[in-house]
PDB file of N, CA and C in Angstrom:
ATOM      1  N   MET A   1      -9.910  11.156 -16.624  1.00  0.00           N
ATOM      2  CA  MET A   1      -8.544  10.671 -16.760  1.00  0.00           C
ATOM      3  C   MET A   1      -7.829  10.654 -15.408  1.00  0.00           C
ATOM      4  N   SER A   2      -8.181  11.581 -14.504  1.00  0.00           N
ATOM      5  CA  SER A   2      -7.483  11.630 -13.231  1.00  0.00           C
ATOM      6  C   SER A   2      -7.780  10.400 -12.368  1.00  0.00           C
ATOM      7  N   TRP A   3      -9.008   9.850 -12.449  1.00  0.00           N
ATOM      8  CA  TRP A   3      -9.324   8.640 -11.682  1.00  0.00           C
ATOM      9  C   TRP A   3      -8.523   7.457 -12.182  1.00  0.00           C
ATOM     10  N   LEU A   4      -8.332   7.383 -13.498  1.00  0.00           N
ATOM     11  CA  LEU A   4      -7.512   6.313 -14.063  1.00  0.00           C
ATOM     12  C   LEU A   4      -6.081   6.414 -13.544  1.00  0.00           C
ATOM     13  N   TRP A   5      -5.561   7.633 -13.468  1.00  0.00           N
ATOM     14  CA  TRP A   5      -4.203   7.859 -12.964  1.00  0.00           C
ATOM     15  C   TRP A   5      -4.098   7.430 -11.503  1.00  0.00           C
ATOM     16  N   VAL A   6      -5.118   7.741 -10.700  1.00  0.00           N
ATOM     17  CA  VAL A   6      -5.137   7.356  -9.286  1.00  0.00           C
ATOM     18  C   VAL A   6      -5.099   5.833  -9.159  1.00  0.00           C
ATOM     19  N   ILE A   7      -5.872   5.149  -9.975  1.00  0.00           N
ATOM     20  CA  ILE A   7      -5.914   3.679  -9.929  1.00  0.00           C
ATOM     21  C   ILE A   7      -4.572   3.085 -10.340  1.00  0.00           C
ATOM     22  N   VAL A   8      -3.975   3.616 -11.395  1.00  0.00           N
ATOM     23  CA  VAL A   8      -2.680   3.102 -11.872  1.00  0.00           C
ATOM     24  C   VAL A   8      -1.592   3.327 -10.823  1.00  0.00           C
ATOM     25  N   VAL A   9      -1.533   4.528 -10.266  1.00  0.00           N
ATOM     26  CA  VAL A   9      -0.523   4.817  -9.241  1.00  0.00           C
ATOM     27  C   VAL A   9      -0.760   3.953  -8.010  1.00  0.00           C
ATOM     28  N   GLY A  10      -2.020   3.796  -7.603  1.00  0.00           N
ATOM     29  CA  GLY A  10      -2.339   2.942  -6.462  1.00  0.00           C
ATOM     30  C   GLY A  10      -1.929   1.502  -6.699  1.00  0.00           C
ATOM     31  N   LEU A  11      -2.167   1.004  -7.899  1.00  0.00           N
ATOM     32  CA  LEU A  11      -1.773  -0.366  -8.226  1.00  0.00           C
ATOM     33  C   LEU A  11      -0.258  -0.531  -8.187  1.00  0.00           C
ATOM     34  N   VAL A  12       0.459   0.426  -8.762  1.00  0.00           N
ATOM     35  CA  VAL A  12       1.926   0.352  -8.767  1.00  0.00           C
ATOM     36  C   VAL A  12       2.475   0.417  -7.343  1.00  0.00           C
ATOM     37  N   LEU A  13       1.962   1.358  -6.542  1.00  0.00           N
ATOM     38  CA  LEU A  13       2.423   1.458  -5.152  1.00  0.00           C
ATOM     39  C   LEU A  13       2.081   0.193  -4.370  1.00  0.00           C
ATOM     40  N   GLY A  14       0.890  -0.341  -4.580  1.00  0.00           N
ATOM     41  CA  GLY A  14       0.496  -1.571  -3.896  1.00  0.00           C
ATOM     42  C   GLY A  14       1.378  -2.748  -4.275  1.00  0.00           C
ATOM     43  N   LEU A  15       1.701  -2.870  -5.556  1.00  0.00           N
ATOM     44  CA  LEU A  15       2.567  -3.971  -6.000  1.00  0.00           C
ATOM     45  C   LEU A  15       3.986  -3.830  -5.462  1.00  0.00           C
ATOM     46  N   ILE A  16       4.498  -2.600  -5.444  1.00  0.00           N
ATOM     47  CA  ILE A  16       5.837  -2.378  -4.879  1.00  0.00           C
ATOM     48  C   ILE A  16       5.833  -2.699  -3.387  1.00  0.00           C
ATOM     49  N   ALA A  17       4.778  -2.272  -2.693  1.00  0.00           N
ATOM     50  CA  ALA A  17       4.670  -2.559  -1.257  1.00  0.00           C
ATOM     51  C   ALA A  17       4.618  -4.063  -1.009  1.00  0.00           C
ATOM     52  N   ARG A  18       3.858  -4.795  -1.826  1.00  0.00           N
ATOM     53  CA  ARG A  18       3.783  -6.251  -1.669  1.00  0.00           C
ATOM     54  C   ARG A  18       5.137  -6.906  -1.923  1.00  0.00           C
ATOM     55  N   ALA A  19       5.919  -6.332  -2.833  1.00  0.00           N
ATOM     56  CA  ALA A  19       7.239  -6.887  -3.122  1.00  0.00           C
ATOM     57  C   ALA A  19       8.218  -6.630  -1.981  1.00  0.00           C
ATOM     58  N   ILE A  20       8.040  -5.514  -1.274  1.00  0.00           N
ATOM     59  CA  ILE A  20       8.952  -5.161  -0.189  1.00  0.00           C
ATOM     60  C   ILE A  20       8.623  -5.929   1.089  1.00  0.00           C
ATOM     61  N   ILE A  21       7.330  -6.133   1.354  1.00  0.00           N
ATOM     62  CA  ILE A  21       6.907  -6.804   2.586  1.00  0.00           C
ATOM     63  C   ILE A  21       7.318  -8.269   2.516  1.00  0.00           C
ATOM     64  N   PRO A  22       7.983  -8.790   3.575  1.00  0.00           N
ATOM     65  CA  PRO A  22       8.376 -10.198   3.568  1.00  0.00           C
ATOM     66  C   PRO A  22       7.156 -11.110   3.572  1.00  0.00           C
ATOM     67  N   GLY A  23       7.292 -12.253   2.953  1.00  0.00           N
ATOM     68  CA  GLY A  23       6.193 -13.216   2.891  1.00  0.00           C
ATOM     69  C   GLY A  23       5.280 -12.925   1.720  1.00  0.00           C
ATOM     70  N   LYS A  24       4.258 -13.723   1.624  1.00  0.00           N
ATOM     71  CA  LYS A  24       3.313 -13.590   0.527  1.00  0.00           C
ATOM     72  C   LYS A  24       1.990 -13.058   1.060  1.00  0.00           C
ATOM     73  N   GLN A  25       1.486 -12.016   0.435  1.00  0.00           N
ATOM     74  CA  GLN A  25       0.206 -11.466   0.815  1.00  0.00           C
ATOM     75  C   GLN A  25      -0.833 -11.986  -0.177  1.00  0.00           C
ATOM     76  N   ASN A  26      -1.655 -12.905   0.266  1.00  0.00           N
ATOM     77  CA  ASN A  26      -2.673 -13.482  -0.612  1.00  0.00           C
ATOM     78  C   ASN A  26      -3.911 -12.603  -0.614  1.00  0.00           C
ATOM     79  N   ILE A  27      -3.796 -11.469  -1.297  1.00  0.00           N
ATOM     80  CA  ILE A  27      -4.928 -10.562  -1.438  1.00  0.00           C
ATOM     81  C   ILE A  27      -5.162 -10.337  -2.928  1.00  0.00           C
ATOM     82  N   PRO A  28      -6.411 -10.074  -3.305  1.00  0.00           N
ATOM     83  CA  PRO A  28      -6.708  -9.861  -4.723  1.00  0.00           C
ATOM     84  C   PRO A  28      -6.054  -8.590  -5.269  1.00  0.00           C
ATOM     85  N   LEU A  29      -5.920  -8.547  -6.572  1.00  0.00           N
ATOM     86  CA  LEU A  29      -5.283  -7.408  -7.238  1.00  0.00           C
ATOM     87  C   LEU A  29      -6.068  -6.120  -7.000  1.00  0.00           C
ATOM     88  N   TRP A  30      -7.396  -6.183  -7.016  1.00  0.00           N
ATOM     89  CA  TRP A  30      -8.190  -4.983  -6.796  1.00  0.00           C
ATOM     90  C   TRP A  30      -7.958  -4.425  -5.390  1.00  0.00           C
ATOM     91  N   LEU A  31      -7.743  -5.326  -4.423  1.00  0.00           N
ATOM     92  CA  LEU A  31      -7.497  -4.883  -3.057  1.00  0.00           C
ATOM     93  C   LEU A  31      -6.088  -4.306  -2.936  1.00  0.00           C
ATOM     94  N   THR A  32      -5.152  -4.846  -3.690  1.00  0.00           N
ATOM     95  CA  THR A  32      -3.800  -4.285  -3.738  1.00  0.00           C
ATOM     96  C   THR A  32      -3.848  -2.851  -4.249  1.00  0.00           C
ATOM     97  N   ALA A  33      -4.615  -2.615  -5.310  1.00  0.00           N
ATOM     98  CA  ALA A  33      -4.756  -1.259  -5.852  1.00  0.00           C
ATOM     99  C   ALA A  33      -5.424  -0.335  -4.843  1.00  0.00           C
ATOM    100  N   LEU A  34      -6.471  -0.820  -4.181  1.00  0.00           N
ATOM    101  CA  LEU A  34      -7.169  -0.014  -3.181  1.00  0.00           C
ATOM    102  C   LEU A  34      -6.249   0.335  -2.013  1.00  0.00           C
ATOM    103  N   PHE A  35      -5.483  -0.643  -1.534  1.00  0.00           N
ATOM    104  CA  PHE A  35      -4.532  -0.378  -0.452  1.00  0.00           C
ATOM    105  C   PHE A  35      -3.449   0.597  -0.903  1.00  0.00           C
ATOM    106  N   GLY A  36      -3.002   0.480  -2.150  1.00  0.00           N
ATOM    107  CA  GLY A  36      -2.018   1.423  -2.682  1.00  0.00           C
ATOM    108  C   GLY A  36      -2.562   2.837  -2.743  1.00  0.00           C
ATOM    109  N   ILE A  37      -3.841   2.976  -3.128  1.00  0.00           N
ATOM    110  CA  ILE A  37      -4.479   4.290  -3.166  1.00  0.00           C
ATOM    111  C   ILE A  37      -4.565   4.871  -1.757  1.00  0.00           C
ATOM    112  N   LEU A  38      -5.010   4.050  -0.804  1.00  0.00           N
ATOM    113  CA  LEU A  38      -5.113   4.517   0.583  1.00  0.00           C
ATOM    114  C   LEU A  38      -3.743   4.886   1.148  1.00  0.00           C
ATOM    115  N   GLY A  39      -2.710   4.099   0.820  1.00  0.00           N
ATOM    116  CA  GLY A  39      -1.349   4.422   1.262  1.00  0.00           C
ATOM    117  C   GLY A  39      -0.846   5.711   0.656  1.00  0.00           C
ATOM    118  N   SER A  40      -1.217   5.961  -0.596  1.00  0.00           N
ATOM    119  CA  SER A  40      -0.835   7.205  -1.254  1.00  0.00           C
ATOM    120  C   SER A  40      -1.490   8.399  -0.579  1.00  0.00           C
ATOM    121  N   ILE A  41      -2.764   8.245  -0.236  1.00  0.00           N
ATOM    122  CA  ILE A  41      -3.468   9.325   0.467  1.00  0.00           C
ATOM    123  C   ILE A  41      -2.824   9.574   1.831  1.00  0.00           C
ATOM    124  N   LEU A  42      -2.494   8.497   2.528  1.00  0.00           N
ATOM    125  CA  LEU A  42      -1.832   8.614   3.824  1.00  0.00           C
ATOM    126  C   LEU A  42      -0.479   9.322   3.683  1.00  0.00           C
ATOM    127  N   GLY A  43       0.301   8.920   2.692  1.00  0.00           N
ATOM    128  CA  GLY A  43       1.603   9.548   2.450  1.00  0.00           C
ATOM    129  C   GLY A  43       1.485  11.018   2.090  1.00  0.00           C
ATOM    130  N   ASN A  44       0.473  11.366   1.285  1.00  0.00           N
ATOM    131  CA  ASN A  44       0.251  12.770   0.939  1.00  0.00           C
ATOM    132  C   ASN A  44      -0.134  13.587   2.169  1.00  0.00           C
ATOM    133  N   ALA A  45      -0.947  12.992   3.049  1.00  0.00           N
ATOM    134  CA  ALA A  45      -1.348  13.695   4.269  1.00  0.00           C
ATOM    135  C   ALA A  45      -0.135  13.963   5.156  1.00  0.00           C
ATOM    136  N   VAL A  46       0.728  12.971   5.299  1.00  0.00           N
ATOM    137  CA  VAL A  46       1.931  13.149   6.119  1.00  0.00           C
ATOM    138  C   VAL A  46       2.856  14.179   5.474  1.00  0.00           C
ATOM    139  N   ALA A  47       2.973  14.138   4.153  1.00  0.00           N
ATOM    140  CA  ALA A  47       3.812  15.121   3.459  1.00  0.00           C
ATOM    141  C   ALA A  47       3.282  16.530   3.671  1.00  0.00           C
ATOM    142  N   GLY A  48       1.968  16.688   3.632  1.00  0.00           N
ATOM    143  CA  GLY A  48       1.378  18.001   3.890  1.00  0.00           C
ATOM    144  C   GLY A  48       1.615  18.441   5.321  1.00  0.00           C
ATOM    145  N   TRP A  49       1.506  17.514   6.252  1.00  0.00           N
ATOM    146  CA  TRP A  49       1.731  17.816   7.660  1.00  0.00           C
ATOM    147  C   TRP A  49       3.186  18.249   7.905  1.00  0.00           C
ATOM    148  N   LEU A  50       4.116  17.599   7.185  1.00  0.00           N
ATOM    149  CA  LEU A  50       5.532  17.940   7.330  1.00  0.00           C
ATOM    150  C   LEU A  50       5.931  19.163   6.506  1.00  0.00           C
ATOM    151  N   GLY A  51       5.037  19.622   5.625  1.00  0.00           N
ATOM    152  CA  GLY A  51       5.326  20.784   4.801  1.00  0.00           C
ATOM    153  C   GLY A  51       6.162  20.493   3.580  1.00  0.00           C
ATOM    154  N   VAL A  52       6.167  19.239   3.118  1.00  0.00           N
ATOM    155  CA  VAL A  52       6.962  18.884   1.940  1.00  0.00           C
ATOM    156  C   VAL A  52       6.084  18.374   0.801  1.00  0.00           C
ATOM    157  N   ALA A  53       4.796  18.721   0.824  1.00  0.00           N
ATOM    158  CA  ALA A  53       3.877  18.214  -0.198  1.00  0.00           C
ATOM    159  C   ALA A  53       4.167  18.822  -1.570  1.00  0.00           C
ATOM    160  N   ASN A  54       4.527  20.083  -1.614  1.00  0.00           N
ATOM    161  CA  ASN A  54       4.801  20.758  -2.884  1.00  0.00           C
ATOM    162  C   ASN A  54       6.176  21.397  -2.825  1.00  0.00           C
ATOM    163  N   THR A  55       7.103  20.801  -3.517  1.00  0.00           N
ATOM    164  CA  THR A  55       8.450  21.352  -3.597  1.00  0.00           C
ATOM    165  C   THR A  55       8.810  21.541  -5.060  1.00  0.00           C
ATOM    166  N   ARG A  56       9.894  22.222  -5.312  1.00  0.00           N
ATOM    167  CA  ARG A  56      10.359  22.392  -6.690  1.00  0.00           C
ATOM    168  C   ARG A  56      10.950  21.082  -7.198  1.00  0.00           C
ATOM    169  N   GLY A  57      10.713  20.801  -8.454  1.00  0.00           N
ATOM    170  CA  GLY A  57      11.251  19.586  -9.054  1.00  0.00           C
ATOM    171  C   GLY A  57      10.442  18.362  -8.645  1.00  0.00           C
ATOM    172  N   VAL A  58      11.113  17.244  -8.575  1.00  0.00           N
ATOM    173  CA  VAL A  58      10.456  15.992  -8.218  1.00  0.00           C
ATOM    174  C   VAL A  58      10.290  15.935  -6.701  1.00  0.00           C
ATOM    175  N   ASP A  59       9.108  15.619  -6.252  1.00  0.00           N
ATOM    176  CA  ASP A  59       8.818  15.543  -4.821  1.00  0.00           C
ATOM    177  C   ASP A  59       9.212  14.177  -4.268  1.00  0.00           C
ATOM    178  N   TRP A  60      10.510  13.929  -4.155  1.00  0.00           N
ATOM    179  CA  TRP A  60      10.985  12.620  -3.724  1.00  0.00           C
ATOM    180  C   TRP A  60      10.513  12.276  -2.313  1.00  0.00           C
ATOM    181  N   THR A  61      10.514  13.255  -1.444  1.00  0.00           N
ATOM    182  CA  THR A  61      10.077  13.002  -0.065  1.00  0.00           C
ATOM    183  C   THR A  61       8.617  12.567  -0.052  1.00  0.00           C
ATOM    184  N   ARG A  62       7.781  13.239  -0.811  1.00  0.00           N
ATOM    185  CA  ARG A  62       6.366  12.892  -0.871  1.00  0.00           C
ATOM    186  C   ARG A  62       6.180  11.499  -1.451  1.00  0.00           C
ATOM    187  N   HIS A  63       6.943  11.164  -2.487  1.00  0.00           N
ATOM    188  CA  HIS A  63       6.826   9.837  -3.107  1.00  0.00           C
ATOM    189  C   HIS A  63       7.272   8.735  -2.151  1.00  0.00           C
ATOM    190  N   VAL A  64       8.329   8.974  -1.409  1.00  0.00           N
ATOM    191  CA  VAL A  64       8.789   7.987  -0.426  1.00  0.00           C
ATOM    192  C   VAL A  64       7.740   7.819   0.668  1.00  0.00           C
ATOM    193  N   LEU A  65       7.146   8.917   1.110  1.00  0.00           N
ATOM    194  CA  LEU A  65       6.100   8.838   2.128  1.00  0.00           C
ATOM    195  C   LEU A  65       4.866   8.097   1.605  1.00  0.00           C
ATOM    196  N   GLN A  66       4.548   8.267   0.327  1.00  0.00           N
ATOM    197  CA  GLN A  66       3.445   7.519  -0.275  1.00  0.00           C
ATOM    198  C   GLN A  66       3.747   6.026  -0.268  1.00  0.00           C
ATOM    199  N   LEU A  67       4.977   5.660  -0.601  1.00  0.00           N
ATOM    200  CA  LEU A  67       5.356   4.252  -0.600  1.00  0.00           C
ATOM    201  C   LEU A  67       5.328   3.679   0.806  1.00  0.00           C
ATOM    202  N   VAL A  68       5.830   4.424   1.776  1.00  0.00           N
ATOM    203  CA  VAL A  68       5.789   3.973   3.168  1.00  0.00           C
ATOM    204  C   VAL A  68       4.338   3.798   3.614  1.00  0.00           C
ATOM    205  N   GLY A  69       3.490   4.736   3.226  1.00  0.00           N
ATOM    206  CA  GLY A  69       2.069   4.611   3.546  1.00  0.00           C
ATOM    207  C   GLY A  69       1.467   3.369   2.916  1.00  0.00           C
ATOM    208  N   ALA A  70       1.824   3.087   1.674  1.00  0.00           N
ATOM    209  CA  ALA A  70       1.315   1.892   0.995  1.00  0.00           C
ATOM    210  C   ALA A  70       1.816   0.624   1.677  1.00  0.00           C
ATOM    211  N   ILE A  71       3.063   0.604   2.107  1.00  0.00           N
ATOM    212  CA  ILE A  71       3.604  -0.559   2.807  1.00  0.00           C
ATOM    213  C   ILE A  71       2.825  -0.811   4.095  1.00  0.00           C
ATOM    214  N   ILE A  72       2.565   0.249   4.839  1.00  0.00           N
ATOM    215  CA  ILE A  72       1.822   0.105   6.097  1.00  0.00           C
ATOM    216  C   ILE A  72       0.408  -0.398   5.838  1.00  0.00           C
ATOM    217  N   VAL A  73      -0.277   0.224   4.869  1.00  0.00           N
ATOM    218  CA  VAL A  73      -1.666  -0.153   4.600  1.00  0.00           C
ATOM    219  C   VAL A  73      -1.751  -1.567   4.033  1.00  0.00           C
ATOM    220  N   VAL A  74      -0.845  -1.953   3.148  1.00  0.00           N
ATOM    221  CA  VAL A  74      -0.868  -3.313   2.598  1.00  0.00           C
ATOM    222  C   VAL A  74      -0.584  -4.339   3.694  1.00  0.00           C
ATOM    223  N   ALA A  75       0.400  -4.068   4.546  1.00  0.00           N
ATOM    224  CA  ALA A  75       0.735  -5.014   5.615  1.00  0.00           C
ATOM    225  C   ALA A  75      -0.434  -5.203   6.574  1.00  0.00           C
ATOM    226  N   LEU A  76      -1.015  -4.100   7.026  1.00  0.00           N
ATOM    227  CA  LEU A  76      -2.150  -4.198   7.948  1.00  0.00           C
ATOM    228  C   LEU A  76      -3.407  -4.702   7.244  1.00  0.00           C
ATOM    229  N   GLY A  77      -3.627  -4.230   6.029  1.00  0.00           N
ATOM    230  CA  GLY A  77      -4.818  -4.631   5.281  1.00  0.00           C
ATOM    231  C   GLY A  77      -4.828  -6.104   4.924  1.00  0.00           C
ATOM    232  N   ALA A  78      -3.666  -6.665   4.594  1.00  0.00           N
ATOM    233  CA  ALA A  78      -3.598  -8.095   4.267  1.00  0.00           C
ATOM    234  C   ALA A  78      -3.949  -8.931   5.492  1.00  0.00           C
ATOM    235  N   ARG A  79      -3.447  -8.531   6.641  1.00  0.00           N
ATOM    236  CA  ARG A  79      -3.785  -9.251   7.887  1.00  0.00           C
ATOM    237  C   ARG A  79      -5.282  -9.146   8.179  1.00  0.00           C
ATOM    238  N   LEU A  80      -5.841  -7.961   8.014  1.00  0.00           N
ATOM    239  CA  LEU A  80      -7.265  -7.762   8.256  1.00  0.00           C
ATOM    240  C   LEU A  80      -8.100  -8.570   7.265  1.00  0.00           C
ATOM    241  N   TRP A  81      -7.694  -8.582   6.012  1.00  0.00           N
ATOM    242  CA  TRP A  81      -8.393  -9.342   4.964  1.00  0.00           C
ATOM    243  C   TRP A  81      -8.465 -10.820   5.338  1.00  0.00           C
ATOM    244  N   HIS A  82      -7.355 -11.373   5.786  1.00  0.00           N
ATOM    245  CA  HIS A  82      -7.329 -12.789   6.150  1.00  0.00           C
ATOM    246  C   HIS A  82      -8.096 -13.048   7.441  1.00  0.00           C
ATOM    247  N   ALA A  83      -8.065 -12.110   8.369  1.00  0.00           N
ATOM    248  CA  ALA A  83      -8.813 -12.273   9.616  1.00  0.00           C
ATOM    249  C   ALA A  83     -10.319 -12.263   9.337  1.00  0.00           C
ATOM    250  N   ILE A  84     -10.756 -11.377   8.460  1.00  0.00           N
ATOM    251  CA  ILE A  84     -12.175 -11.302   8.115  1.00  0.00           C
ATOM    252  C   ILE A  84     -12.623 -12.576   7.399  1.00  0.00           C
ATOM    253  N   ARG A  85     -11.769 -13.087   6.531  1.00  0.00           N
ATOM    254  CA  ARG A  85     -12.109 -14.294   5.779  1.00  0.00           C
ATOM    255  C   ARG A  85     -11.905 -15.560   6.598  1.00  0.00           C
ATOM    256  N   GLY A  86     -11.336 -15.437   7.800  1.00  0.00           N
ATOM    257  CA  GLY A  86     -11.145 -16.591   8.664  1.00  0.00           C
ATOM    258  C   GLY A  86     -10.041 -17.519   8.215  1.00  0.00           C
ATOM    259  N   GLU A  87      -9.076 -16.993   7.482  1.00  0.00           N
ATOM    260  CA  GLU A  87      -7.969 -17.813   6.986  1.00  0.00           C
ATOM    261  C   GLU A  87      -6.828 -17.797   7.988  1.00  0.00           C
ATOM    262  N   LYS A  88      -6.161 -18.928   8.123  1.00  0.00           N
ATOM    263  CA  LYS A  88      -4.988 -19.009   8.997  1.00  0.00           C
ATOM    264  C   LYS A  88      -3.745 -18.819   8.155  1.00  0.00           C
ATOM    265  N   GLY A  89      -2.658 -18.389   8.800  1.00  0.00           N
ATOM    266  CA  GLY A  89      -1.414 -18.159   8.059  1.00  0.00           C
ATOM    267  C   GLY A  89      -1.555 -16.952   7.164  1.00  0.00           C
ATOM    268  N   THR A  90      -1.627 -15.771   7.730  1.00  0.00           N
ATOM    269  CA  THR A  90      -1.990 -14.568   7.011  1.00  0.00           C
ATOM    270  C   THR A  90      -1.046 -14.189   5.885  1.00  0.00           C
ATOM    271  N   HIS A  91       0.159 -14.627   5.917  1.00  0.00           N
ATOM    272  CA  HIS A  91       1.095 -14.238   4.867  1.00  0.00           C
ATOM    273  C   HIS A  91       1.468 -15.396   3.967  1.00  0.00           C
ATOM    274  N   GLY A  92       0.545 -16.304   3.785  1.00  0.00           N
ATOM    275  CA  GLY A  92       0.805 -17.401   2.871  1.00  0.00           C
ATOM    276  C   GLY A  92       1.675 -18.488   3.453  1.00  0.00           C
ATOM    277  N   THR A  93       1.933 -18.439   4.744  1.00  0.00           N
ATOM    278  CA  THR A  93       2.740 -19.491   5.347  1.00  0.00           C
ATOM    279  C   THR A  93       1.887 -20.728   5.529  1.00  0.00           C
ATOM    280  N   ARG A  94       2.507 -21.861   5.469  1.00  0.00           N
ATOM    281  CA  ARG A  94       1.772 -23.114   5.616  1.00  0.00           C
ATOM    282  C   ARG A  94       1.800 -23.560   7.063  1.00  0.00           C
ATOM    283  N   GLU A  95       0.679 -24.044   7.499  1.00  0.00           N
ATOM    284  CA  GLU A  95       0.606 -24.589   8.858  1.00  0.00           C
ATOM    285  C   GLU A  95       1.065 -26.030   8.831  1.00  0.00           C
ATOM    286  N   HIS A  96       1.862 -26.380   9.808  1.00  0.00           N
ATOM    287  CA  HIS A  96       2.296 -27.769   9.899  1.00  0.00           C
ATOM    288  C   HIS A  96       1.325 -28.526  10.788  1.00  0.00           C
ATOM    289  N   ILE A  97       0.857 -29.641  10.275  1.00  0.00           N
ATOM    290  CA  ILE A  97      -0.134 -30.439  10.995  1.00  0.00           C
ATOM    291  C   ILE A  97       0.551 -31.459  11.870  1.00  0.00           C
TER     292      ILE A  97
END
């Protein structure tokens, strides 16, 4: 059950990150979930480094750091995805001929 929770949280964080980042990220849904998971791990690591990983009540700082991590990973990952695939206009922008 915990792996399912990780996938769901990663997908939600990835979708929120895609909504916040300007432009359109033409990446598959599975990659959005994977980037969200990686961003969550990054955010948890930073929260642990800052000493705010486990607090009383809702860990708002940790959740915000997870979202920031997801935004960073989705933004960089979408560019890398398009570079690997050889696509131009990494954020769904159209090239004018």
